[in-house]
PDB file of N, CA and C in Angstrom:
ATOM      1  N   UNK A   1      15.508 -26.629  -8.518  1.00  0.00           N
ATOM      2  CA  UNK A   1      15.651 -25.262  -8.060  1.00  0.00           C
ATOM      3  C   UNK A   1      14.778 -25.067  -6.820  1.00  0.00           C
ATOM      4  N   UNK A   2      15.313 -24.407  -5.834  1.00  0.00           N
ATOM      5  CA  UNK A   2      14.572 -24.134  -4.618  1.00  0.00           C
ATOM      6  C   UNK A   2      14.093 -22.687  -4.643  1.00  0.00           C
ATOM      7  N   UNK A   3      12.820 -22.475  -4.333  1.00  0.00           N
ATOM      8  CA  UNK A   3      12.247 -21.139  -4.327  1.00  0.00           C
ATOM      9  C   UNK A   3      12.150 -20.620  -2.905  1.00  0.00           C
ATOM     10  N   UNK A   4      12.219 -19.330  -2.783  1.00  0.00           N
ATOM     11  CA  UNK A   4      12.083 -18.694  -1.481  1.00  0.00           C
ATOM     12  C   UNK A   4      10.810 -17.856  -1.488  1.00  0.00           C
ATOM     13  N   UNK A   5       9.989 -18.050  -0.484  1.00  0.00           N
ATOM     14  CA  UNK A   5       8.748 -17.304  -0.374  1.00  0.00           C
ATOM     15  C   UNK A   5       8.800 -16.432   0.867  1.00  0.00           C
ATOM     16  N   UNK A   6       8.217 -15.244   0.778  1.00  0.00           N
ATOM     17  CA  UNK A   6       8.111 -14.378   1.941  1.00  0.00           C
ATOM     18  C   UNK A   6       7.183 -15.022   2.964  1.00  0.00           C
ATOM     19  N   UNK A   7       6.114 -15.640   2.478  1.00  0.00           N
ATOM     20  CA  UNK A   7       5.184 -16.364   3.339  1.00  0.00           C
ATOM     21  C   UNK A   7       5.204 -17.832   2.918  1.00  0.00           C
ATOM     22  N   UNK A   8       5.129 -18.740   3.856  1.00  0.00           N
ATOM     23  CA  UNK A   8       5.162 -20.156   3.481  1.00  0.00           C
ATOM     24  C   UNK A   8       3.942 -20.548   2.646  1.00  0.00           C
ATOM     25  N   UNK A   9       4.118 -21.470   1.691  1.00  0.00           N
ATOM     26  CA  UNK A   9       2.987 -21.938   0.891  1.00  0.00           C
ATOM     27  C   UNK A   9       1.889 -22.491   1.791  1.00  0.00           C
ATOM     28  N   UNK A  10       0.648 -22.246   1.410  1.00  0.00           N
ATOM     29  CA  UNK A  10      -0.481 -22.721   2.200  1.00  0.00           C
ATOM     30  C   UNK A  10      -0.928 -21.739   3.269  1.00  0.00           C
ATOM     31  N   UNK A  11      -0.136 -20.734   3.537  1.00  0.00           N
ATOM     32  CA  UNK A  11      -0.489 -19.711   4.503  1.00  0.00           C
ATOM     33  C   UNK A  11      -1.469 -18.750   3.831  1.00  0.00           C
ATOM     34  N   UNK A  12      -2.593 -18.440   4.462  1.00  0.00           N
ATOM     35  CA  UNK A  12      -3.549 -17.542   3.830  1.00  0.00           C
ATOM     36  C   UNK A  12      -3.301 -16.077   4.182  1.00  0.00           C
ATOM     37  N   UNK A  13      -2.255 -15.810   4.957  1.00  0.00           N
ATOM     38  CA  UNK A  13      -1.906 -14.427   5.309  1.00  0.00           C
ATOM     39  C   UNK A  13      -1.374 -13.703   4.069  1.00  0.00           C
ATOM     40  N   UNK A  14      -1.270 -12.377   4.151  1.00  0.00           N
ATOM     41  CA  UNK A  14      -0.740 -11.613   3.034  1.00  0.00           C
ATOM     42  C   UNK A  14       0.218 -10.544   3.525  1.00  0.00           C
ATOM     43  N   UNK A  15       0.931  -9.952   2.591  1.00  0.00           N
ATOM     44  CA  UNK A  15       1.926  -8.920   2.867  1.00  0.00           C
ATOM     45  C   UNK A  15       1.551  -7.640   2.137  1.00  0.00           C
ATOM     46  N   UNK A  16       1.711  -6.510   2.809  1.00  0.00           N
ATOM     47  CA  UNK A  16       1.576  -5.207   2.162  1.00  0.00           C
ATOM     48  C   UNK A  16       2.967  -4.614   1.982  1.00  0.00           C
ATOM     49  N   UNK A  17       3.283  -4.259   0.751  1.00  0.00           N
ATOM     50  CA  UNK A  17       4.490  -3.484   0.460  1.00  0.00           C
ATOM     51  C   UNK A  17       4.010  -2.036   0.428  1.00  0.00           C
ATOM     52  N   UNK A  18       4.418  -1.260   1.427  1.00  0.00           N
ATOM     53  CA  UNK A  18       3.857   0.072   1.626  1.00  0.00           C
ATOM     54  C   UNK A  18       4.865   1.149   1.258  1.00  0.00           C
ATOM     55  N   UNK A  19       4.460   2.014   0.344  1.00  0.00           N
ATOM     56  CA  UNK A  19       5.218   3.214  -0.005  1.00  0.00           C
ATOM     57  C   UNK A  19       4.622   4.338   0.825  1.00  0.00           C
ATOM     58  N   UNK A  20       5.450   4.987   1.646  1.00  0.00           N
ATOM     59  CA  UNK A  20       4.939   6.032   2.540  1.00  0.00           C
ATOM     60  C   UNK A  20       5.963   7.138   2.714  1.00  0.00           C
ATOM     61  N   UNK A  21       5.499   8.268   3.235  1.00  0.00           N
ATOM     62  CA  UNK A  21       6.387   9.394   3.501  1.00  0.00           C
ATOM     63  C   UNK A  21       6.641  10.259   2.286  1.00  0.00           C
ATOM     64  N   UNK A  22       6.106   9.888   1.157  1.00  0.00           N
ATOM     65  CA  UNK A  22       6.245  10.670  -0.065  1.00  0.00           C
ATOM     66  C   UNK A  22       4.918  11.310  -0.414  1.00  0.00           C
ATOM     67  N   UNK A  23       4.810  11.724  -1.654  1.00  0.00           N
ATOM     68  CA  UNK A  23       3.546  12.310  -2.085  1.00  0.00           C
ATOM     69  C   UNK A  23       3.226  11.903  -3.512  1.00  0.00           C
ATOM     70  N   UNK A  24       1.945  11.819  -3.788  1.00  0.00           N
ATOM     71  CA  UNK A  24       1.458  11.443  -5.096  1.00  0.00           C
ATOM     72  C   UNK A  24       1.369  12.692  -5.955  1.00  0.00           C
ATOM     73  N   UNK A  25       1.974  12.640  -7.144  1.00  0.00           N
ATOM     74  CA  UNK A  25       1.948  13.782  -8.053  1.00  0.00           C
ATOM     75  C   UNK A  25       1.372  13.343  -9.394  1.00  0.00           C
ATOM     76  N   UNK A  26       0.626  14.249 -10.010  1.00  0.00           N
ATOM     77  CA  UNK A  26       0.054  13.985 -11.329  1.00  0.00           C
ATOM     78  C   UNK A  26       1.074  14.342 -12.396  1.00  0.00           C
ATOM     79  N   UNK A  27       1.089  13.544 -13.451  1.00  0.00           N
ATOM     80  CA  UNK A  27       1.954  13.806 -14.592  1.00  0.00           C
ATOM     81  C   UNK A  27       1.104  14.033 -15.823  1.00  0.00           C
ATOM     82  N   UNK A  28       1.704  13.861 -16.973  1.00  0.00           N
ATOM     83  CA  UNK A  28       0.985  14.041 -18.220  1.00  0.00           C
ATOM     84  C   UNK A  28       0.095  12.841 -18.510  1.00  0.00           C
ATOM     85  N   UNK A  29      -1.076  13.106 -18.981  1.00  0.00           N
ATOM     86  CA  UNK A  29      -2.026  12.095 -19.429  1.00  0.00           C
ATOM     87  C   UNK A  29      -2.196  10.961 -18.417  1.00  0.00           C
ATOM     88  N   UNK A  30      -2.722  11.273 -17.251  1.00  0.00           N
ATOM     89  CA  UNK A  30      -3.052  10.314 -16.203  1.00  0.00           C
ATOM     90  C   UNK A  30      -1.841   9.572 -15.631  1.00  0.00           C
ATOM     91  N   UNK A  31      -0.665  10.044 -15.870  1.00  0.00           N
ATOM     92  CA  UNK A  31       0.533   9.390 -15.351  1.00  0.00           C
ATOM     93  C   UNK A  31       0.815   9.938 -13.964  1.00  0.00           C
ATOM     94  N   UNK A  32       0.936   9.076 -12.989  1.00  0.00           N
ATOM     95  CA  UNK A  32       1.152   9.518 -11.614  1.00  0.00           C
ATOM     96  C   UNK A  32       2.536   9.102 -11.140  1.00  0.00           C
ATOM     97  N   UNK A  33       3.050   9.874 -10.212  1.00  0.00           N
ATOM     98  CA  UNK A  33       4.346   9.596  -9.602  1.00  0.00           C
ATOM     99  C   UNK A  33       4.180   9.592  -8.095  1.00  0.00           C
ATOM    100  N   UNK A  34       4.867   8.696  -7.430  1.00  0.00           N
ATOM    101  CA  UNK A  34       4.969   8.747  -5.980  1.00  0.00           C
ATOM    102  C   UNK A  34       6.407   9.170  -5.708  1.00  0.00           C
ATOM    103  N   UNK A  35       6.578  10.379  -5.171  1.00  0.00           N
ATOM    104  CA  UNK A  35       7.893  10.978  -5.021  1.00  0.00           C
ATOM    105  C   UNK A  35       8.303  10.983  -3.554  1.00  0.00           C
ATOM    106  N   UNK A  36       9.543  10.552  -3.324  1.00  0.00           N
ATOM    107  CA  UNK A  36      10.104  10.607  -1.981  1.00  0.00           C
ATOM    108  C   UNK A  36       9.619   9.469  -1.105  1.00  0.00           C
ATOM    109  N   UNK A  37      10.018   9.547   0.121  1.00  0.00           N
ATOM    110  CA  UNK A  37       9.533   8.585   1.091  1.00  0.00           C
ATOM    111  C   UNK A  37      10.344   7.312   1.196  1.00  0.00           C
ATOM    112  N   UNK A  38       9.709   6.319   1.768  1.00  0.00           N
ATOM    113  CA  UNK A  38      10.347   5.053   2.079  1.00  0.00           C
ATOM    114  C   UNK A  38       9.426   3.904   1.692  1.00  0.00           C
ATOM    115  N   UNK A  39       9.962   2.700   1.787  1.00  0.00           N
ATOM    116  CA  UNK A  39       9.181   1.486   1.541  1.00  0.00           C
ATOM    117  C   UNK A  39       9.353   0.574   2.743  1.00  0.00           C
ATOM    118  N   UNK A  40       8.258  -0.009   3.186  1.00  0.00           N
ATOM    119  CA  UNK A  40       8.311  -1.002   4.249  1.00  0.00           C
ATOM    120  C   UNK A  40       7.349  -2.128   3.910  1.00  0.00           C
ATOM    121  N   UNK A  41       7.552  -3.280   4.535  1.00  0.00           N
ATOM    122  CA  UNK A  41       6.675  -4.421   4.334  1.00  0.00           C
ATOM    123  C   UNK A  41       6.018  -4.770   5.657  1.00  0.00           C
ATOM    124  N   UNK A  42       4.731  -5.065   5.591  1.00  0.00           N
ATOM    125  CA  UNK A  42       4.009  -5.564   6.759  1.00  0.00           C
ATOM    126  C   UNK A  42       3.543  -6.965   6.394  1.00  0.00           C
ATOM    127  N   UNK A  43       4.074  -7.960   7.104  1.00  0.00           N
ATOM    128  CA  UNK A  43       3.799  -9.365   6.828  1.00  0.00           C
ATOM    129  C   UNK A  43       2.753  -9.937   7.770  1.00  0.00           C
ATOM    130  N   UNK A  44       2.276 -11.119   7.400  1.00  0.00           N
ATOM    131  CA  UNK A  44       1.395 -11.921   8.241  1.00  0.00           C
ATOM    132  C   UNK A  44       0.074 -11.221   8.563  1.00  0.00           C
ATOM    133  N   UNK A  45      -0.462 -10.460   7.602  1.00  0.00           N
ATOM    134  CA  UNK A  45      -1.759  -9.817   7.801  1.00  0.00           C
ATOM    135  C   UNK A  45      -2.870 -10.811   7.489  1.00  0.00           C
ATOM    136  N   UNK A  46      -3.922 -10.758   8.272  1.00  0.00           N
ATOM    137  CA  UNK A  46      -5.050 -11.673   8.107  1.00  0.00           C
ATOM    138  C   UNK A  46      -6.054 -11.060   7.128  1.00  0.00           C
ATOM    139  N   UNK A  47      -6.319 -11.713   5.990  1.00  0.00           N
ATOM    140  CA  UNK A  47      -7.258 -11.152   5.015  1.00  0.00           C
ATOM    141  C   UNK A  47      -8.676 -11.005   5.563  1.00  0.00           C
ATOM    142  N   UNK A  48      -9.033 -11.788   6.577  1.00  0.00           N
ATOM    143  CA  UNK A  48     -10.367 -11.691   7.170  1.00  0.00           C
ATOM    144  C   UNK A  48     -10.521 -10.451   8.052  1.00  0.00           C
ATOM    145  N   UNK A  49      -9.423  -9.845   8.414  1.00  0.00           N
ATOM    146  CA  UNK A  49      -9.450  -8.653   9.270  1.00  0.00           C
ATOM    147  C   UNK A  49      -9.156  -7.375   8.497  1.00  0.00           C
ATOM    148  N   UNK A  50      -9.035  -7.476   7.185  1.00  0.00           N
ATOM    149  CA  UNK A  50      -8.663  -6.316   6.368  1.00  0.00           C
ATOM    150  C   UNK A  50      -9.821  -5.321   6.278  1.00  0.00           C
ATOM    151  N   UNK A  51      -9.543  -4.088   6.682  1.00  0.00           N
ATOM    152  CA  UNK A  51     -10.521  -3.003   6.580  1.00  0.00           C
ATOM    153  C   UNK A  51      -9.790  -1.669   6.733  1.00  0.00           C
ATOM    154  N   UNK A  52     -10.535  -0.572   6.620  1.00  0.00           N
ATOM    155  CA  UNK A  52      -9.915   0.753   6.735  1.00  0.00           C
ATOM    156  C   UNK A  52      -9.323   0.994   8.119  1.00  0.00           C
ATOM    157  N   UNK A  53      -9.925   0.448   9.144  1.00  0.00           N
ATOM    158  CA  UNK A  53      -9.387   0.619  10.499  1.00  0.00           C
ATOM    159  C   UNK A  53      -7.986   0.024  10.589  1.00  0.00           C
ATOM    160  N   UNK A  54      -7.794  -1.155   9.999  1.00  0.00           N
ATOM    161  CA  UNK A  54      -6.462  -1.769  10.006  1.00  0.00           C
ATOM    162  C   UNK A  54      -5.459  -0.902   9.237  1.00  0.00           C
ATOM    163  N   UNK A  55      -5.866  -0.376   8.079  1.00  0.00           N
ATOM    164  CA  UNK A  55      -4.974   0.509   7.317  1.00  0.00           C
ATOM    165  C   UNK A  55      -4.655   1.766   8.115  1.00  0.00           C
ATOM    166  N   UNK A  56      -5.659   2.321   8.805  1.00  0.00           N
ATOM    167  CA  UNK A  56      -5.421   3.509   9.636  1.00  0.00           C
ATOM    168  C   UNK A  56      -4.451   3.210  10.772  1.00  0.00           C
ATOM    169  N   UNK A  57      -4.557   2.031  11.366  1.00  0.00           N
ATOM    170  CA  UNK A  57      -3.634   1.643  12.446  1.00  0.00           C
ATOM    171  C   UNK A  57      -2.200   1.529  11.922  1.00  0.00           C
ATOM    172  N   UNK A  58      -2.052   0.922  10.747  1.00  0.00           N
ATOM    173  CA  UNK A  58      -0.718   0.799  10.138  1.00  0.00           C
ATOM    174  C   UNK A  58      -0.166   2.185   9.826  1.00  0.00           C
ATOM    175  N   UNK A  59      -1.002   3.042   9.234  1.00  0.00           N
ATOM    176  CA  UNK A  59      -0.571   4.401   8.885  1.00  0.00           C
ATOM    177  C   UNK A  59      -0.184   5.194  10.126  1.00  0.00           C
ATOM    178  N   UNK A  60      -0.927   5.017  11.193  1.00  0.00           N
ATOM    179  CA  UNK A  60      -0.606   5.700  12.444  1.00  0.00           C
ATOM    180  C   UNK A  60       0.769   5.276  12.959  1.00  0.00           C
ATOM    181  N   UNK A  61       1.071   3.982  12.848  1.00  0.00           N
ATOM    182  CA  UNK A  61       2.393   3.480  13.249  1.00  0.00           C
ATOM    183  C   UNK A  61       3.506   4.081  12.394  1.00  0.00           C
ATOM    184  N   UNK A  62       3.163   4.464  11.161  1.00  0.00           N
ATOM    185  CA  UNK A  62       4.148   5.071  10.257  1.00  0.00           C
ATOM    186  C   UNK A  62       4.209   6.591  10.399  1.00  0.00           C
ATOM    187  N   UNK A  63       3.458   7.140  11.363  1.00  0.00           N
ATOM    188  CA  UNK A  63       3.538   8.570  11.653  1.00  0.00           C
ATOM    189  C   UNK A  63       2.490   9.426  10.979  1.00  0.00           C
ATOM    190  N   UNK A  64       1.426   8.833  10.454  1.00  0.00           N
ATOM    191  CA  UNK A  64       0.387   9.601   9.765  1.00  0.00           C
ATOM    192  C   UNK A  64      -0.734   9.997  10.697  1.00  0.00           C
ATOM    193  N   UNK A  65      -1.350  11.143  10.358  1.00  0.00           N
ATOM    194  CA  UNK A  65      -2.589  11.565  10.997  1.00  0.00           C
ATOM    195  C   UNK A  65      -3.704  10.935  10.169  1.00  0.00           C
ATOM    196  N   UNK A  66      -4.427  10.021  10.730  1.00  0.00           N
ATOM    197  CA  UNK A  66      -5.366   9.229   9.941  1.00  0.00           C
ATOM    198  C   UNK A  66      -6.572  10.004   9.428  1.00  0.00           C
ATOM    199  N   UNK A  67      -6.756  11.237   9.863  1.00  0.00           N
ATOM    200  CA  UNK A  67      -7.898  11.999   9.360  1.00  0.00           C
ATOM    201  C   UNK A  67      -7.610  12.615   7.988  1.00  0.00           C
ATOM    202  N   UNK A  68      -6.364  12.746   7.632  1.00  0.00           N
ATOM    203  CA  UNK A  68      -5.990  13.373   6.356  1.00  0.00           C
ATOM    204  C   UNK A  68      -5.083  12.431   5.569  1.00  0.00           C
ATOM    205  N   UNK A  69      -5.660  11.357   5.057  1.00  0.00           N
ATOM    206  CA  UNK A  69      -4.834  10.359   4.409  1.00  0.00           C
ATOM    207  C   UNK A  69      -5.552   9.760   3.204  1.00  0.00           C
ATOM    208  N   UNK A  70      -4.781   9.446   2.185  1.00  0.00           N
ATOM    209  CA  UNK A  70      -5.296   8.760   1.005  1.00  0.00           C
ATOM    210  C   UNK A  70      -4.554   7.446   0.858  1.00  0.00           C
ATOM    211  N   UNK A  71      -5.311   6.377   0.607  1.00  0.00           N
ATOM    212  CA  UNK A  71      -4.736   5.064   0.341  1.00  0.00           C
ATOM    213  C   UNK A  71      -5.005   4.705  -1.105  1.00  0.00           C
ATOM    214  N   UNK A  72      -3.996   4.169  -1.756  1.00  0.00           N
ATOM    215  CA  UNK A  72      -4.153   3.668  -3.116  1.00  0.00           C
ATOM    216  C   UNK A  72      -3.411   2.343  -3.201  1.00  0.00           C
ATOM    217  N   UNK A  73      -3.877   1.451  -4.055  1.00  0.00           N
ATOM    218  CA  UNK A  73      -3.144   0.204  -4.268  1.00  0.00           C
ATOM    219  C   UNK A  73      -3.059  -0.084  -5.751  1.00  0.00           C
ATOM    220  N   UNK A  74      -2.027  -0.829  -6.111  1.00  0.00           N
ATOM    221  CA  UNK A  74      -1.863  -1.251  -7.503  1.00  0.00           C
ATOM    222  C   UNK A  74      -2.604  -2.573  -7.670  1.00  0.00           C
ATOM    223  N   UNK A  75      -3.600  -2.564  -8.564  1.00  0.00           N
ATOM    224  CA  UNK A  75      -4.360  -3.774  -8.828  1.00  0.00           C
ATOM    225  C   UNK A  75      -3.472  -4.797  -9.530  1.00  0.00           C
ATOM    226  N   UNK A  76      -3.309  -5.987  -8.930  1.00  0.00           N
ATOM    227  CA  UNK A  76      -2.482  -7.007  -9.583  1.00  0.00           C
ATOM    228  C   UNK A  76      -3.110  -7.542 -10.865  1.00  0.00           C
ATOM    229  N   UNK A  77      -4.419  -7.429 -11.003  1.00  0.00           N
ATOM    230  CA  UNK A  77      -5.079  -7.962 -12.194  1.00  0.00           C
ATOM    231  C   UNK A  77      -5.074  -6.987 -13.360  1.00  0.00           C
ATOM    232  N   UNK A  78      -5.251  -5.685 -13.081  1.00  0.00           N
ATOM    233  CA  UNK A  78      -5.308  -4.696 -14.171  1.00  0.00           C
ATOM    234  C   UNK A  78      -4.068  -3.817 -14.256  1.00  0.00           C
ATOM    235  N   UNK A  79      -3.301  -3.720 -13.163  1.00  0.00           N
ATOM    236  CA  UNK A  79      -2.154  -2.823 -13.119  1.00  0.00           C
ATOM    237  C   UNK A  79      -2.543  -1.384 -12.813  1.00  0.00           C
ATOM    238  N   UNK A  80      -3.841  -1.109 -12.706  1.00  0.00           N
ATOM    239  CA  UNK A  80      -4.319   0.239 -12.409  1.00  0.00           C
ATOM    240  C   UNK A  80      -4.092   0.586 -10.943  1.00  0.00           C
ATOM    241  N   UNK A  81      -4.025   1.881 -10.670  1.00  0.00           N
ATOM    242  CA  UNK A  81      -3.944   2.369  -9.304  1.00  0.00           C
ATOM    243  C   UNK A  81      -5.358   2.686  -8.858  1.00  0.00           C
ATOM    244  N   UNK A  82      -5.769   2.093  -7.735  1.00  0.00           N
ATOM    245  CA  UNK A  82      -7.142   2.190  -7.258  1.00  0.00           C
ATOM    246  C   UNK A  82      -7.149   2.888  -5.901  1.00  0.00           C
ATOM    247  N   UNK A  83      -8.019   3.884  -5.756  1.00  0.00           N
ATOM    248  CA  UNK A  83      -8.137   4.608  -4.487  1.00  0.00           C
ATOM    249  C   UNK A  83      -9.020   3.809  -3.531  1.00  0.00           C
ATOM    250  N   UNK A  84      -8.625   3.793  -2.269  1.00  0.00           N
ATOM    251  CA  UNK A  84      -9.379   3.098  -1.228  1.00  0.00           C
ATOM    252  C   UNK A  84     -10.038   4.141  -0.333  1.00  0.00           C
ATOM    253  N   UNK A  85     -11.375   4.142  -0.315  1.00  0.00           N
ATOM    254  CA  UNK A  85     -12.098   5.071   0.559  1.00  0.00           C
ATOM    255  C   UNK A  85     -13.124   4.365   1.442  1.00  0.00           C
ATOM    256  N   UNK A  86     -13.414   3.092   1.130  1.00  0.00           N
ATOM    257  CA  UNK A  86     -14.420   2.327   1.870  1.00  0.00           C
ATOM    258  C   UNK A  86     -13.865   0.957   2.254  1.00  0.00           C
ATOM    259  N   UNK A  87     -14.468   0.347   3.259  1.00  0.00           N
ATOM    260  CA  UNK A  87     -14.087  -1.021   3.614  1.00  0.00           C
ATOM    261  C   UNK A  87     -14.271  -1.965   2.428  1.00  0.00           C
ATOM    262  N   UNK A  88     -15.294  -1.709   1.601  1.00  0.00           N
ATOM    263  CA  UNK A  88     -15.525  -2.555   0.429  1.00  0.00           C
ATOM    264  C   UNK A  88     -14.338  -2.500  -0.531  1.00  0.00           C
ATOM    265  N   UNK A  89     -13.682  -1.343  -0.643  1.00  0.00           N
ATOM    266  CA  UNK A  89     -12.502  -1.223  -1.499  1.00  0.00           C
ATOM    267  C   UNK A  89     -11.356  -2.088  -0.962  1.00  0.00           C
ATOM    268  N   UNK A  90     -11.237  -2.164   0.360  1.00  0.00           N
ATOM    269  CA  UNK A  90     -10.211  -3.018   0.971  1.00  0.00           C
ATOM    270  C   UNK A  90     -10.540  -4.484   0.669  1.00  0.00           C
ATOM    271  N   UNK A  91     -11.805  -4.839   0.766  1.00  0.00           N
ATOM    272  CA  UNK A  91     -12.238  -6.203   0.432  1.00  0.00           C
ATOM    273  C   UNK A  91     -11.922  -6.519  -1.023  1.00  0.00           C
ATOM    274  N   UNK A  92     -12.193  -5.574  -1.916  1.00  0.00           N
ATOM    275  CA  UNK A  92     -11.878  -5.764  -3.340  1.00  0.00           C
ATOM    276  C   UNK A  92     -10.377  -5.986  -3.537  1.00  0.00           C
ATOM    277  N   UNK A  93      -9.568  -5.217  -2.807  1.00  0.00           N
ATOM    278  CA  UNK A  93      -8.117  -5.355  -2.898  1.00  0.00           C
ATOM    279  C   UNK A  93      -7.698  -6.766  -2.488  1.00  0.00           C
ATOM    280  N   UNK A  94      -8.260  -7.259  -1.387  1.00  0.00           N
ATOM    281  CA  UNK A  94      -7.922  -8.591  -0.884  1.00  0.00           C
ATOM    282  C   UNK A  94      -8.352  -9.669  -1.876  1.00  0.00           C
ATOM    283  N   UNK A  95      -9.484  -9.465  -2.532  1.00  0.00           N
ATOM    284  CA  UNK A  95      -9.965 -10.446  -3.512  1.00  0.00           C
ATOM    285  C   UNK A  95      -9.034 -10.553  -4.721  1.00  0.00           C
ATOM    286  N   UNK A  96      -8.193  -9.552  -4.926  1.00  0.00           N
ATOM    287  CA  UNK A  96      -7.248  -9.558  -6.043  1.00  0.00           C
ATOM    288  C   UNK A  96      -5.866 -10.082  -5.661  1.00  0.00           C
ATOM    289  N   UNK A  97      -5.719 -10.616  -4.457  1.00  0.00           N
ATOM    290  CA  UNK A  97      -4.399 -11.093  -4.017  1.00  0.00           C
ATOM    291  C   UNK A  97      -3.768 -12.011  -5.060  1.00  0.00           C
ATOM    292  N   UNK A  98      -2.534 -11.684  -5.487  1.00  0.00           N
ATOM    293  CA  UNK A  98      -1.846 -12.561  -6.435  1.00  0.00           C
ATOM    294  C   UNK A  98      -1.269 -13.776  -5.704  1.00  0.00           C
ATOM    295  N   UNK A  99      -0.711 -14.681  -6.445  1.00  0.00           N
ATOM    296  CA  UNK A  99      -0.132 -15.894  -5.860  1.00  0.00           C
ATOM    297  C   UNK A  99       1.015 -15.575  -4.900  1.00  0.00           C
ATOM    298  N   UNK A 100       1.681 -14.446  -5.109  1.00  0.00           N
ATOM    299  CA  UNK A 100       2.768 -14.037  -4.212  1.00  0.00           C
ATOM    300  C   UNK A 100       2.247 -13.584  -2.852  1.00  0.00           C
ATOM    301  N   UNK A 101       0.927 -13.308  -2.767  1.00  0.00           N
ATOM    302  CA  UNK A 101       0.270 -12.839  -1.537  1.00  0.00           C
ATOM    303  C   UNK A 101       0.815 -11.483  -1.097  1.00  0.00           C
ATOM    304  N   UNK A 102       1.333 -10.687  -2.039  1.00  0.00           N
ATOM    305  CA  UNK A 102       1.869  -9.363  -1.717  1.00  0.00           C
ATOM    306  C   UNK A 102       1.159  -8.308  -2.558  1.00  0.00           C
ATOM    307  N   UNK A 103       0.724  -7.228  -1.898  1.00  0.00           N
ATOM    308  CA  UNK A 103       0.058  -6.109  -2.562  1.00  0.00           C
ATOM    309  C   UNK A 103       0.844  -4.828  -2.319  1.00  0.00           C
ATOM    310  N   UNK A 104       0.828  -3.930  -3.307  1.00  0.00           N
ATOM    311  CA  UNK A 104       1.476  -2.622  -3.163  1.00  0.00           C
ATOM    312  C   UNK A 104       0.445  -1.604  -2.700  1.00  0.00           C
ATOM    313  N   UNK A 105       0.743  -0.935  -1.592  1.00  0.00           N
ATOM    314  CA  UNK A 105      -0.117   0.103  -1.041  1.00  0.00           C
ATOM    315  C   UNK A 105       0.664   1.411  -1.020  1.00  0.00           C
ATOM    316  N   UNK A 106       0.016   2.494  -1.455  1.00  0.00           N
ATOM    317  CA  UNK A 106       0.627   3.825  -1.463  1.00  0.00           C
ATOM    318  C   UNK A 106      -0.143   4.694  -0.482  1.00  0.00           C
ATOM    319  N   UNK A 107       0.585   5.379   0.385  1.00  0.00           N
ATOM    320  CA  UNK A 107      -0.044   6.273   1.356  1.00  0.00           C
ATOM    321  C   UNK A 107       0.352   7.699   1.024  1.00  0.00           C
ATOM    322  N   UNK A 108      -0.651   8.552   0.923  1.00  0.00           N
ATOM    323  CA  UNK A 108      -0.446   9.973   0.643  1.00  0.00           C
ATOM    324  C   UNK A 108      -1.222  10.744   1.704  1.00  0.00           C
ATOM    325  N   UNK A 109      -0.524  11.526   2.503  1.00  0.00           N
ATOM    326  CA  UNK A 109      -1.200  12.272   3.554  1.00  0.00           C
ATOM    327  C   UNK A 109      -0.210  13.061   4.384  1.00  0.00           C
ATOM    328  N   UNK A 110      -0.702  13.608   5.468  1.00  0.00           N
ATOM    329  CA  UNK A 110       0.105  14.443   6.356  1.00  0.00           C
ATOM    330  C   UNK A 110       0.664  13.569   7.475  1.00  0.00           C
ATOM    331  N   UNK A 111       1.990  13.581   7.606  1.00  0.00           N
ATOM    332  CA  UNK A 111       2.635  12.853   8.697  1.00  0.00           C
ATOM    333  C   UNK A 111       2.848  13.792   9.868  1.00  0.00           C
ATOM    334  N   UNK A 112       2.934  13.207  11.040  1.00  0.00           N
ATOM    335  CA  UNK A 112       3.159  14.026  12.241  1.00  0.00           C
ATOM    336  C   UNK A 112       4.499  14.739  12.170  1.00  0.00           C
ATOM    337  N   UNK A 113       5.534  14.037  11.732  1.00  0.00           N
ATOM    338  CA  UNK A 113       6.823  14.687  11.519  1.00  0.00           C
ATOM    339  C   UNK A 113       7.048  14.720  10.013  1.00  0.00           C
ATOM    340  N   UNK A 114       6.976  15.873   9.444  1.00  0.00           N
ATOM    341  CA  UNK A 114       7.017  16.029   7.993  1.00  0.00           C
ATOM    342  C   UNK A 114       8.459  16.025   7.505  1.00  0.00           C
ATOM    343  N   UNK A 115       8.982  14.817   7.209  1.00  0.00           N
ATOM    344  CA  UNK A 115      10.342  14.665   6.706  1.00  0.00           C
ATOM    345  C   UNK A 115      10.269  13.948   5.376  1.00  0.00           C
ATOM    346  N   UNK A 116      10.381  14.676   4.291  1.00  0.00           N
ATOM    347  CA  UNK A 116      10.301  14.066   2.973  1.00  0.00           C
ATOM    348  C   UNK A 116      11.593  14.252   2.222  1.00  0.00           C
ATOM    349  N   UNK A 117      12.078  13.172   1.650  1.00  0.00           N
ATOM    350  CA  UNK A 117      13.229  13.237   0.769  1.00  0.00           C
ATOM    351  C   UNK A 117      12.695  13.308  -0.653  1.00  0.00           C
ATOM    352  N   UNK A 118      13.481  13.784  -1.587  1.00  0.00           N
ATOM    353  CA  UNK A 118      13.020  13.915  -2.977  1.00  0.00           C
ATOM    354  C   UNK A 118      13.354  12.709  -3.830  1.00  0.00           C
ATOM    355  N   UNK A 119      13.534  11.553  -3.232  1.00  0.00           N
ATOM    356  CA  UNK A 119      13.752  10.318  -3.959  1.00  0.00           C
ATOM    357  C   UNK A 119      13.255   9.188  -3.086  1.00  0.00           C
ATOM    358  N   UNK A 120      12.986   8.011  -3.546  1.00  0.00           N
ATOM    359  CA  UNK A 120      12.971   7.605  -4.954  1.00  0.00           C
ATOM    360  C   UNK A 120      11.677   8.021  -5.637  1.00  0.00           C
ATOM    361  N   UNK A 121      11.597   7.810  -6.926  1.00  0.00           N
ATOM    362  CA  UNK A 121      10.388   8.085  -7.702  1.00  0.00           C
ATOM    363  C   UNK A 121       9.852   6.748  -8.185  1.00  0.00           C
ATOM    364  N   UNK A 122       8.597   6.475  -7.890  1.00  0.00           N
ATOM    365  CA  UNK A 122       7.928   5.272  -8.372  1.00  0.00           C
ATOM    366  C   UNK A 122       6.882   5.716  -9.372  1.00  0.00           C
ATOM    367  N   UNK A 123       6.983   5.233 -10.594  1.00  0.00           N
ATOM    368  CA  UNK A 123       6.039   5.620 -11.663  1.00  0.00           C
ATOM    369  C   UNK A 123       5.023   4.520 -11.870  1.00  0.00           C
ATOM    370  N   UNK A 124       3.780   4.921 -12.108  1.00  0.00           N
ATOM    371  CA  UNK A 124       2.752   3.945 -12.470  1.00  0.00           C
ATOM    372  C   UNK A 124       1.759   4.550 -13.393  1.00  0.00           C
TER     373      UNK A 124
END
């Protein structure tokens, strides 16, 4: 059987699967929903350059005002959703890179052009 990888084996780069353009909503008993928006992938990111500035640059490219933004990622080891507020949190995220080298990042904030659809819903 032949496998297909987003990144070639041996490559130390990583991919962010980014949910953006929606909003994070609280549900019952710590259950959160990310409602609306889109999904995009950013490939070939260098783990040695990962920090909040890089996330802000990516968010800016997606139409966000970087002063009013929340970043969260799904921990591959625990499955928990973790808020990113410091460069150390980005480092922690990188240290949890799974073998697939892909991490899920959720962006919640104000976009320059506020166009939100009411689907899809991602539950975690």
